[in-house]
């Protein structure tokens, strides 16, 4: 199996990561230091380090993505960890 093929944690379907759009913040600097995010068909996300495209992305389910987003919205410790507080 190709390293670009993963199993979507939410629907157990095989997904070719090379078919997904990678979204990168418009605030990224010219040196490419950014996190890229791709939406998975089942609602989860694939997160990659744009400075290391050869490395496999982290795959997160829809539930873990939603818990993280809720945490960013409401947890002061998580906001502080990301410099948002």
Protein backbone atom coordinates (compact mmCIF):
# COMPACT_ATOMS: atom_id res chain seq x y z
CA UNK A 1 0.00 0.00 0.00
CA UNK A 2 1.27 3.49 -0.86
CA UNK A 3 2.25 5.80 2.00
CA UNK A 4 -0.34 8.22 0.60
CA UNK A 5 -3.18 5.76 1.25
CA UNK A 6 -4.72 5.86 4.72
CA UNK A 7 -7.84 4.43 6.30
CA UNK A 8 -10.36 7.13 7.24
CA UNK A 9 -10.97 6.63 10.99
CA UNK A 10 -14.64 7.59 10.71
CA UNK A 11 -15.84 5.44 7.82
CA UNK A 12 -13.02 2.87 7.39
CA UNK A 13 -12.66 3.74 3.69
CA UNK A 14 -9.28 3.98 2.03
CA UNK A 15 -8.35 7.56 1.16
CA UNK A 16 -5.57 8.67 -1.17
CA UNK A 17 -4.10 11.72 0.55
CA UNK A 18 -2.72 13.01 -2.74
CA UNK A 19 -6.34 13.55 -3.87
CA UNK A 20 -7.10 15.89 -0.94
CA UNK A 21 -6.70 19.66 -0.91
CA UNK A 22 -4.22 20.88 1.72
CA UNK A 23 -5.36 24.15 3.29
CA UNK A 24 -2.59 26.39 4.62
CA UNK A 25 -3.10 29.64 6.52
CA UNK A 26 -2.84 32.84 4.54
CA UNK A 27 -0.66 34.07 7.41
CA UNK A 28 2.10 31.56 6.64
CA UNK A 29 5.46 33.11 6.09
CA UNK A 30 7.50 32.76 2.92
CA UNK A 31 9.65 30.04 4.52
CA UNK A 32 6.74 27.56 4.56
CA UNK A 33 6.59 27.13 8.34
CA UNK A 34 2.98 26.15 8.62
CA UNK A 35 0.58 23.36 9.36
CA UNK A 36 -1.46 22.03 6.47
CA UNK A 37 -4.91 20.59 7.05
CA UNK A 38 -6.96 18.35 4.75
CA UNK A 39 -10.57 17.40 5.39
CA UNK A 40 -11.21 13.65 5.28
CA UNK A 41 -14.44 12.30 3.74
CA UNK A 42 -15.69 10.97 7.10
CA UNK A 43 -15.32 14.36 8.83
CA UNK A 44 -11.87 13.95 10.35
CA UNK A 45 -8.68 15.74 9.35
CA UNK A 46 -5.18 14.97 8.14
CA UNK A 47 -2.63 17.42 9.55
CA UNK A 48 0.82 17.81 8.01
CA UNK A 49 3.96 19.81 8.64
CA UNK A 50 4.58 21.73 5.42
CA UNK A 51 8.33 21.85 6.13
CA UNK A 52 8.45 18.03 6.10
CA UNK A 53 6.25 16.93 3.19
CA UNK A 54 7.94 13.51 3.13
CA UNK A 55 6.52 12.65 6.56
CA UNK A 56 3.12 11.02 6.99
CA UNK A 57 0.39 13.34 8.26
CA UNK A 58 -1.33 12.90 11.60
CA UNK A 59 -4.82 11.50 11.10
CA UNK A 60 -7.59 12.57 13.49
CA UNK A 61 -11.20 11.41 13.67
CA UNK A 62 -14.19 13.73 13.46
CA UNK A 63 -14.78 13.33 17.22
CA UNK A 64 -11.21 14.25 18.17
CA UNK A 65 -11.25 17.21 15.76
CA UNK A 66 -14.51 18.49 17.24
CA UNK A 67 -13.23 18.08 20.82
CA UNK A 68 -10.08 20.02 19.94
CA UNK A 69 -12.02 22.86 18.31
CA UNK A 70 -14.39 23.08 21.30
CA UNK A 71 -11.35 23.17 23.57
CA UNK A 72 -9.82 26.03 21.62
CA UNK A 73 -13.09 27.91 21.93
CA UNK A 74 -13.58 27.40 25.66
CA UNK A 75 -10.49 26.12 27.53
CA UNK A 76 -8.22 28.94 28.74
CA UNK A 77 -5.25 26.55 29.17
CA UNK A 78 -5.49 25.37 25.57
CA UNK A 79 -5.92 28.93 24.36
CA UNK A 80 -2.82 29.96 26.32
CA UNK A 81 -0.84 27.07 24.86
CA UNK A 82 -1.61 28.43 21.40
CA UNK A 83 -1.03 32.05 22.39
CA UNK A 84 -4.70 32.92 22.04
CA UNK A 85 -5.35 34.04 25.63
